[in-house]
N, C-alpha and C. Protein backbone atom coordinates (compact mmCIF):
# COMPACT_ATOMS: atom_id res chain seq x y z
N MET A 1 17.58 14.34 -71.30
CA MET A 1 17.70 14.02 -72.97
C MET A 1 19.11 13.84 -73.25
N VAL A 2 19.33 12.92 -74.34
CA VAL A 2 21.00 12.57 -74.58
C VAL A 2 20.67 13.49 -75.90
N LEU A 3 21.69 14.52 -76.29
CA LEU A 3 21.72 15.12 -77.58
C LEU A 3 22.19 14.28 -78.83
N LYS A 4 21.39 14.40 -79.64
CA LYS A 4 21.77 13.59 -81.17
C LYS A 4 22.95 14.31 -81.89
N ALA A 5 23.42 13.45 -82.60
CA ALA A 5 24.58 13.90 -83.61
C ALA A 5 23.51 14.92 -84.37
N GLY A 6 24.41 16.31 -84.56
CA GLY A 6 23.74 16.77 -85.81
C GLY A 6 24.32 18.69 -85.38
N ASP A 7 23.53 19.37 -85.85
CA ASP A 7 23.90 20.70 -85.72
C ASP A 7 22.95 21.47 -84.93
N TYR A 8 23.58 22.26 -84.24
CA TYR A 8 22.81 23.14 -83.11
C TYR A 8 23.17 24.56 -83.08
N ILE A 9 22.21 25.50 -82.67
CA ILE A 9 22.91 26.70 -82.12
C ILE A 9 22.35 26.79 -80.61
N VAL A 10 23.81 27.08 -80.00
CA VAL A 10 24.10 27.13 -78.42
C VAL A 10 23.42 28.58 -78.00
N THR A 11 22.88 28.63 -77.03
CA THR A 11 22.50 30.01 -76.13
C THR A 11 22.81 30.06 -74.97
N SER A 12 22.98 31.26 -74.29
CA SER A 12 23.23 31.23 -73.03
C SER A 12 21.83 31.45 -72.04
N LYS A 13 21.54 30.68 -71.05
CA LYS A 13 20.21 30.82 -70.17
C LYS A 13 20.51 32.16 -69.79
N LEU A 14 21.60 32.79 -69.09
CA LEU A 14 21.51 34.06 -68.16
C LEU A 14 21.23 35.00 -69.45
N THR A 15 21.65 35.28 -70.51
CA THR A 15 21.22 36.42 -71.43
C THR A 15 20.47 36.09 -72.58
N ASP A 16 20.40 34.81 -72.81
CA ASP A 16 19.65 34.56 -74.20
C ASP A 16 20.39 34.65 -75.30
N SER A 17 21.49 34.97 -75.24
CA SER A 17 22.59 35.24 -76.30
C SER A 17 23.06 34.04 -76.91
N THR A 18 23.62 34.24 -78.30
CA THR A 18 24.05 33.03 -78.71
C THR A 18 25.77 33.20 -78.77
N VAL A 19 26.06 31.83 -78.59
CA VAL A 19 27.76 31.36 -78.64
C VAL A 19 28.16 30.91 -79.64
N GLY A 20 29.33 31.71 -80.25
CA GLY A 20 29.75 31.37 -81.66
C GLY A 20 31.31 32.13 -81.74
N GLN A 21 31.73 31.79 -82.68
CA GLN A 21 33.40 32.14 -82.98
C GLN A 21 33.68 33.94 -83.14
N GLU A 22 34.55 34.25 -82.30
CA GLU A 22 34.67 35.71 -82.27
C GLU A 22 34.87 36.48 -83.51
N ARG A 23 34.06 37.49 -83.99
CA ARG A 23 34.16 38.36 -84.95
C ARG A 23 35.03 39.77 -84.74
N PRO A 24 36.10 40.05 -85.97
CA PRO A 24 36.08 39.49 -87.19
C PRO A 24 36.99 38.18 -87.09
N GLU A 25 36.54 37.65 -87.83
CA GLU A 25 37.54 35.99 -87.89
C GLU A 25 38.89 36.17 -87.95
N ASP A 26 39.33 35.52 -87.05
CA ASP A 26 41.04 35.56 -87.07
C ASP A 26 41.68 34.73 -87.91
N ARG A 27 42.30 35.15 -89.11
CA ARG A 27 42.94 33.99 -89.88
C ARG A 27 44.05 33.85 -89.98
N SER A 28 44.51 33.61 -88.59
CA SER A 28 46.16 33.43 -88.52
C SER A 28 46.24 31.59 -88.27
N GLY A 29 45.23 31.05 -88.24
CA GLY A 29 45.68 29.62 -88.11
C GLY A 29 45.61 29.01 -86.51
N GLY A 30 45.74 30.19 -85.82
CA GLY A 30 45.83 29.65 -84.35
C GLY A 30 44.30 29.37 -83.84
N PRO A 31 44.38 29.23 -82.42
CA PRO A 31 43.02 29.34 -81.72
C PRO A 31 42.17 30.53 -81.86
N LYS A 32 40.87 30.45 -81.96
CA LYS A 32 40.12 31.54 -82.23
C LYS A 32 39.18 31.37 -80.80
N LYS A 33 38.87 32.56 -80.64
CA LYS A 33 38.03 32.63 -79.02
C LYS A 33 36.37 32.38 -79.48
N VAL A 34 35.96 31.83 -78.41
CA VAL A 34 34.45 31.50 -78.24
C VAL A 34 33.90 32.54 -77.41
N VAL A 35 32.79 33.19 -78.14
CA VAL A 35 32.19 34.34 -77.08
C VAL A 35 30.68 34.25 -77.16
N LEU A 36 30.56 35.08 -76.49
CA LEU A 36 28.75 35.30 -76.45
C LEU A 36 28.49 36.52 -77.25
N PHE A 37 27.73 36.35 -78.27
CA PHE A 37 27.49 37.31 -78.96
C PHE A 37 26.38 38.32 -78.01
N PRO A 38 26.51 39.72 -78.62
CA PRO A 38 25.62 40.73 -78.04
C PRO A 38 24.13 40.28 -78.25
N SER A 39 23.17 40.56 -77.48
CA SER A 39 21.76 39.77 -77.34
C SER A 39 21.16 40.58 -78.78
N ASP A 40 21.60 41.73 -79.05
CA ASP A 40 20.97 42.02 -80.34
C ASP A 40 21.66 41.85 -81.81
N SER A 41 22.74 40.97 -81.50
CA SER A 41 23.25 40.34 -82.80
C SER A 41 22.39 39.49 -83.68
N PHE A 42 22.76 39.45 -84.98
CA PHE A 42 22.09 38.34 -85.87
C PHE A 42 22.77 37.41 -86.04
N ASP A 43 24.09 37.19 -85.32
CA ASP A 43 25.11 36.11 -85.55
C ASP A 43 24.46 34.76 -85.12
N HIS A 44 24.76 33.67 -85.55
CA HIS A 44 24.02 32.29 -85.20
C HIS A 44 25.08 31.39 -85.58
N ASP A 45 26.16 31.01 -85.13
CA ASP A 45 27.09 30.18 -85.43
C ASP A 45 26.50 28.96 -85.16
N VAL A 46 26.49 27.85 -85.75
CA VAL A 46 26.30 26.57 -85.70
C VAL A 46 26.94 25.54 -85.39
N PHE A 47 26.80 25.01 -84.35
CA PHE A 47 27.73 24.31 -83.54
C PHE A 47 27.44 22.63 -83.93
N SER A 48 28.34 21.55 -84.46
CA SER A 48 28.42 20.41 -84.94
C SER A 48 28.72 19.77 -83.70
N VAL A 49 27.71 18.83 -83.20
CA VAL A 49 27.55 17.67 -82.16
C VAL A 49 28.15 16.48 -82.51
N GLU A 50 28.86 15.85 -82.04
CA GLU A 50 29.37 14.57 -82.16
C GLU A 50 29.22 13.64 -81.00
N PRO A 51 28.30 12.75 -80.79
CA PRO A 51 28.52 11.85 -79.61
C PRO A 51 29.64 10.79 -79.53
N GLN A 52 30.08 10.61 -78.45
CA GLN A 52 31.45 9.81 -78.37
C GLN A 52 30.96 8.83 -77.25
N GLY A 53 29.85 8.67 -76.98
CA GLY A 53 29.47 7.85 -75.68
C GLY A 53 29.50 8.04 -74.42
N ASN A 54 29.00 7.55 -73.15
CA ASN A 54 29.02 8.03 -71.93
C ASN A 54 28.79 9.36 -71.72
N SER A 55 27.80 9.96 -72.41
CA SER A 55 27.19 11.37 -72.47
C SER A 55 28.63 12.70 -72.90
N GLN A 56 29.36 11.92 -73.49
CA GLN A 56 30.64 12.89 -73.83
C GLN A 56 30.47 13.14 -75.47
N TYR A 57 30.82 14.19 -75.76
CA TYR A 57 30.57 14.90 -77.00
C TYR A 57 31.91 15.51 -77.65
N VAL A 58 32.18 15.48 -79.13
CA VAL A 58 32.76 16.60 -79.79
C VAL A 58 32.02 17.60 -80.18
N LEU A 59 32.44 18.82 -79.94
CA LEU A 59 31.69 20.03 -80.29
C LEU A 59 32.72 20.54 -81.23
N LYS A 60 32.07 21.05 -82.67
CA LYS A 60 33.16 22.04 -83.43
C LYS A 60 32.15 23.11 -84.08
N LEU A 61 33.15 24.14 -84.24
CA LEU A 61 32.62 25.55 -85.07
C LEU A 61 33.55 25.38 -85.95
N GLY A 62 32.74 25.91 -87.20
CA GLY A 62 33.75 26.15 -88.67
C GLY A 62 34.50 24.94 -88.80
N GLY A 63 34.23 23.47 -88.21
CA GLY A 63 34.87 22.40 -88.42
C GLY A 63 36.11 21.94 -87.68
N GLU A 64 36.27 23.02 -86.81
CA GLU A 64 37.28 23.04 -85.70
C GLU A 64 36.75 22.47 -84.49
N PRO A 65 37.36 21.73 -83.54
CA PRO A 65 36.93 21.26 -82.10
C PRO A 65 37.43 22.58 -81.52
N LEU A 66 36.40 22.29 -80.42
CA LEU A 66 36.26 23.32 -79.17
C LEU A 66 37.16 22.59 -78.06
N VAL A 67 38.23 23.68 -77.55
CA VAL A 67 39.11 23.11 -76.63
C VAL A 67 39.15 24.15 -75.56
N ALA A 68 39.92 23.58 -74.35
CA ALA A 68 39.91 24.68 -73.21
C ALA A 68 41.40 24.84 -73.34
N ILE A 69 41.62 26.36 -73.53
CA ILE A 69 42.93 26.67 -73.09
C ILE A 69 43.24 27.65 -71.96
N ASP A 70 44.25 27.55 -71.27
CA ASP A 70 44.30 28.52 -70.27
C ASP A 70 43.10 28.84 -69.51
N ARG A 71 42.04 28.17 -69.42
CA ARG A 71 40.89 28.52 -68.71
C ARG A 71 39.57 29.09 -69.45
N GLN A 72 39.94 29.06 -70.70
CA GLN A 72 39.27 29.72 -71.72
C GLN A 72 38.78 28.96 -72.92
N LEU A 73 37.21 29.18 -73.57
CA LEU A 73 37.05 28.30 -74.66
C LEU A 73 37.53 28.81 -76.09
N TYR A 74 38.15 28.12 -77.08
CA TYR A 74 38.79 28.52 -78.30
C TYR A 74 38.22 27.15 -78.89
N THR A 75 38.48 27.57 -80.49
CA THR A 75 38.28 26.68 -81.37
C THR A 75 39.64 26.36 -81.83
N SER A 76 40.01 25.41 -82.22
CA SER A 76 41.45 24.98 -82.56
C SER A 76 41.75 23.81 -83.59
N PRO A 77 42.31 24.25 -84.49
CA PRO A 77 42.70 23.13 -85.70
C PRO A 77 43.16 21.79 -85.11
N SER A 78 42.79 20.77 -85.26
CA SER A 78 42.80 19.19 -84.74
C SER A 78 44.17 19.09 -84.59
N THR A 79 44.96 19.86 -85.95
CA THR A 79 46.17 19.52 -86.04
C THR A 79 47.17 20.19 -84.88
N LYS A 80 46.69 21.13 -84.25
CA LYS A 80 47.37 21.87 -83.36
C LYS A 80 46.87 21.33 -81.69
N ASN A 81 45.77 20.97 -81.77
CA ASN A 81 45.32 20.45 -80.36
C ASN A 81 44.26 19.41 -80.70
N PRO A 82 44.41 18.12 -79.95
CA PRO A 82 43.27 17.28 -79.95
C PRO A 82 42.00 17.73 -79.87
N ALA A 83 41.14 17.03 -80.58
CA ALA A 83 39.76 17.48 -79.90
C ALA A 83 39.36 17.08 -78.65
N GLU A 84 38.55 17.85 -77.66
CA GLU A 84 38.43 17.78 -76.27
C GLU A 84 37.17 17.06 -76.49
N LYS A 85 36.82 16.23 -75.43
CA LYS A 85 35.50 15.73 -75.22
C LYS A 85 34.83 16.11 -73.91
N TRP A 86 33.51 16.69 -74.26
CA TRP A 86 32.91 17.24 -73.20
C TRP A 86 31.68 16.54 -72.69
N VAL A 87 31.37 16.61 -71.41
CA VAL A 87 30.20 15.82 -70.87
C VAL A 87 29.23 16.91 -70.85
N ILE A 88 28.06 16.84 -71.64
CA ILE A 88 26.86 17.64 -71.62
C ILE A 88 25.71 16.99 -71.08
N THR A 89 25.30 17.75 -69.92
CA THR A 89 24.14 17.18 -69.16
C THR A 89 22.78 17.91 -69.32
N GLN A 90 21.55 17.35 -69.35
CA GLN A 90 20.56 18.59 -69.17
C GLN A 90 19.79 18.35 -67.88
N HIS A 91 19.47 19.34 -67.57
CA HIS A 91 18.76 19.66 -66.31
C HIS A 91 17.43 20.05 -66.40
N ALA A 92 16.65 19.08 -65.79
CA ALA A 92 15.16 19.48 -65.74
C ALA A 92 14.70 18.96 -67.35
N TYR A 93 13.49 18.43 -67.05
CA TYR A 93 12.98 18.03 -68.76
C TYR A 93 12.92 19.21 -69.74
N HIS A 94 13.39 19.03 -70.80
CA HIS A 94 13.68 20.14 -71.70
C HIS A 94 14.43 21.16 -71.26
N GLY A 95 15.27 21.21 -70.21
CA GLY A 95 15.71 22.24 -69.78
C GLY A 95 17.14 22.37 -70.22
N PRO A 96 18.11 23.45 -69.49
CA PRO A 96 19.14 23.83 -70.28
C PRO A 96 20.23 22.56 -69.56
N TYR A 97 21.54 22.75 -70.42
CA TYR A 97 22.63 22.16 -70.17
C TYR A 97 23.71 22.69 -69.79
N THR A 98 24.61 21.76 -68.68
CA THR A 98 25.65 22.17 -68.44
C THR A 98 26.62 21.38 -69.39
N ILE A 99 27.75 22.14 -69.66
CA ILE A 99 28.84 21.57 -70.69
C ILE A 99 30.35 21.44 -69.87
N GLU A 100 30.69 20.08 -69.39
CA GLU A 100 31.78 20.12 -68.64
C GLU A 100 33.14 19.12 -69.33
N THR A 101 34.32 19.41 -68.83
CA THR A 101 35.36 19.05 -69.54
C THR A 101 35.05 17.42 -69.20
N ALA A 102 35.88 16.57 -69.84
CA ALA A 102 35.56 15.18 -69.78
C ALA A 102 35.83 14.41 -68.30
N ASP A 103 36.81 14.98 -67.57
CA ASP A 103 36.98 14.79 -66.05
C ASP A 103 36.14 15.61 -65.09
N ARG A 104 35.17 16.22 -65.82
CA ARG A 104 34.24 17.17 -64.83
C ARG A 104 34.89 17.71 -63.83
N THR A 105 36.02 18.65 -63.94
CA THR A 105 36.80 19.66 -62.98
C THR A 105 36.36 20.92 -63.30
N ALA A 106 35.73 20.99 -64.58
CA ALA A 106 35.64 22.57 -65.34
C ALA A 106 34.57 22.34 -66.24
N GLY A 107 33.70 23.61 -66.27
CA GLY A 107 32.74 23.66 -67.36
C GLY A 107 32.66 25.10 -67.91
N TRP A 108 31.87 25.36 -68.85
CA TRP A 108 31.44 26.67 -69.57
C TRP A 108 31.03 27.51 -68.58
N LYS A 109 31.43 28.66 -68.65
CA LYS A 109 30.79 29.75 -67.65
C LYS A 109 30.68 31.04 -68.04
N ILE A 110 29.85 31.87 -67.87
CA ILE A 110 29.95 33.33 -68.69
C ILE A 110 30.34 33.66 -67.17
N ILE A 111 31.63 34.54 -67.12
CA ILE A 111 32.28 35.36 -66.23
C ILE A 111 31.79 36.42 -66.05
N ASP A 112 31.66 37.42 -66.93
CA ASP A 112 30.99 38.98 -66.79
C ASP A 112 29.94 38.99 -67.63
N ASP A 113 28.46 39.00 -66.93
CA ASP A 113 27.57 39.26 -67.61
C ASP A 113 27.07 40.51 -67.95
N LEU A 114 27.97 41.23 -67.53
CA LEU A 114 27.75 42.89 -67.89
C LEU A 114 28.34 43.19 -68.99
N HIS A 115 29.32 42.28 -69.34
CA HIS A 115 29.94 42.40 -70.75
C HIS A 115 29.43 41.12 -71.86
N PRO A 116 28.49 41.46 -72.40
CA PRO A 116 28.08 40.17 -73.05
C PRO A 116 28.57 39.71 -74.31
N SER A 117 29.54 39.84 -74.81
CA SER A 117 30.38 39.65 -75.77
C SER A 117 31.55 38.89 -75.49
N GLY A 118 31.63 38.57 -74.12
CA GLY A 118 32.91 38.10 -73.36
C GLY A 118 33.27 36.89 -73.84
N HIS A 119 34.32 36.59 -73.43
CA HIS A 119 35.20 34.97 -73.86
C HIS A 119 34.47 34.15 -73.00
N ILE A 120 33.94 32.88 -73.38
CA ILE A 120 33.47 31.94 -72.51
C ILE A 120 34.42 31.30 -71.67
N ALA A 121 34.43 31.04 -70.76
CA ALA A 121 35.48 30.50 -69.66
C ALA A 121 35.37 29.06 -69.62
N VAL A 122 36.44 28.60 -69.17
CA VAL A 122 36.23 27.07 -68.69
C VAL A 122 36.74 27.22 -67.33
N ARG A 123 35.72 26.97 -66.11
CA ARG A 123 36.39 26.85 -64.62
C ARG A 123 35.60 26.25 -64.08
N PRO A 124 35.56 25.87 -62.85
CA PRO A 124 34.91 24.86 -61.68
C PRO A 124 33.33 25.24 -61.62
N LEU A 125 32.49 24.64 -61.72
CA LEU A 125 30.98 24.65 -61.75
C LEU A 125 30.44 25.01 -60.33
N VAL A 126 29.35 25.76 -60.19
CA VAL A 126 29.07 25.89 -58.83
C VAL A 126 27.51 24.98 -58.70
N ARG A 127 27.60 24.06 -57.86
CA ARG A 127 26.48 23.30 -57.84
C ARG A 127 25.88 23.74 -56.68
N LEU A 128 24.43 24.12 -56.81
CA LEU A 128 23.48 24.63 -55.83
C LEU A 128 23.04 23.44 -54.89
N PRO A 129 22.66 23.66 -53.72
CA PRO A 129 22.38 22.45 -52.98
C PRO A 129 21.01 22.04 -53.28
N GLY A 130 20.81 20.55 -53.15
CA GLY A 130 19.43 20.19 -53.37
C GLY A 130 19.55 19.27 -54.41
N TYR A 131 18.13 18.78 -54.63
CA TYR A 131 17.96 17.49 -55.50
C TYR A 131 16.91 17.76 -56.21
N PRO A 132 16.80 17.63 -57.69
CA PRO A 132 18.00 17.36 -58.37
C PRO A 132 18.94 18.69 -58.28
N PRO A 133 20.38 18.30 -58.71
CA PRO A 133 21.52 19.40 -58.58
C PRO A 133 20.77 20.58 -59.64
N ARG A 134 21.01 21.58 -58.90
CA ARG A 134 20.95 23.16 -59.90
C ARG A 134 21.97 23.68 -59.92
N TYR A 135 22.12 24.55 -61.01
CA TYR A 135 23.17 25.08 -61.44
C TYR A 135 22.89 26.58 -61.85
N PRO A 136 23.79 27.51 -61.39
CA PRO A 136 23.45 29.14 -61.65
C PRO A 136 23.32 29.37 -63.18
N SER A 137 22.43 30.18 -63.79
CA SER A 137 21.99 30.62 -65.10
C SER A 137 23.43 30.95 -65.85
N ASP A 138 24.67 31.42 -65.13
CA ASP A 138 25.80 31.70 -66.16
C ASP A 138 26.53 30.35 -66.25
N GLU A 139 25.76 29.19 -66.14
CA GLU A 139 26.82 27.92 -66.32
C GLU A 139 25.47 26.84 -66.98
N LEU A 140 24.66 27.57 -67.61
CA LEU A 140 23.48 26.62 -68.17
C LEU A 140 23.43 27.52 -69.49
N PHE A 141 23.26 26.43 -70.49
CA PHE A 141 23.26 26.79 -71.95
C PHE A 141 22.16 26.12 -72.91
N ASN A 142 21.39 26.36 -73.79
CA ASN A 142 20.62 25.69 -74.41
C ASN A 142 20.79 25.21 -75.83
N PHE A 143 20.59 24.10 -76.33
CA PHE A 143 20.87 23.81 -77.73
C PHE A 143 19.63 23.51 -78.43
N THR A 144 19.75 24.23 -79.40
CA THR A 144 18.60 24.31 -80.41
C THR A 144 18.74 23.52 -81.50
N PRO A 145 18.18 22.53 -82.07
CA PRO A 145 18.55 21.89 -83.40
C PRO A 145 18.28 22.85 -84.22
N VAL A 146 19.15 22.53 -85.71
CA VAL A 146 18.66 23.59 -86.78
C VAL A 146 18.92 22.59 -88.25
N GLU A 147 18.22 23.30 -88.95
CA GLU A 147 18.74 22.42 -90.49
C GLU A 147 19.71 23.21 -90.94
N THR A 148 20.52 22.32 -91.49
CA THR A 148 21.77 22.67 -92.19
C THR A 148 21.76 23.47 -93.41
N SER A 149 20.49 23.13 -93.91
CA SER A 149 20.27 24.11 -95.14
C SER A 149 20.00 25.59 -95.10
N HIS A 150 20.01 25.94 -93.50
CA HIS A 150 19.64 27.55 -93.24
C HIS A 150 20.91 27.88 -92.58
N TYR A 151 21.84 27.26 -92.44
CA TYR A 151 22.67 27.73 -91.51
C TYR A 151 24.27 27.20 -92.26
N MET A 152 25.17 27.79 -91.77
CA MET A 152 26.48 27.45 -92.44
C MET A 152 26.97 26.36 -91.21
N ARG A 153 27.24 25.33 -91.72
CA ARG A 153 27.62 24.06 -90.72
C ARG A 153 29.14 24.67 -89.64
N GLY A 154 28.99 24.05 -88.67
CA GLY A 154 29.77 24.45 -87.69
C GLY A 154 31.05 23.15 -87.86
């Protein structure tokens, strides 16, 4: 399924925890960490998904695009870093997604599932043998559409 333009909550398939901007919010004006919230957290940041064609998307949180910096995921003002395009691919019918860089050399990955509020990494993904391709749960994410009237827009 191709994602439509809109607002979504993103969760990890591995931990079922939501992905969002680190708390407390950094007001320095620089890049901000994108992390996995603890599973008992009530934080639900809303991602803005903007299709760009060819299964590529611009993703935003708090109006700022998501970018990979030093193999980690951040939001960054578009004046400091251009909006990065991400390839989002669904695996299995109504299944989770992988999120990869436009050149498909790396993707979102949870490095330490024992520390659930960790920074989301951007590293080469591990494709498991078989058809259709399979990926480990630490590389899979769910996108749940939301009504913008209930959440702060990303």
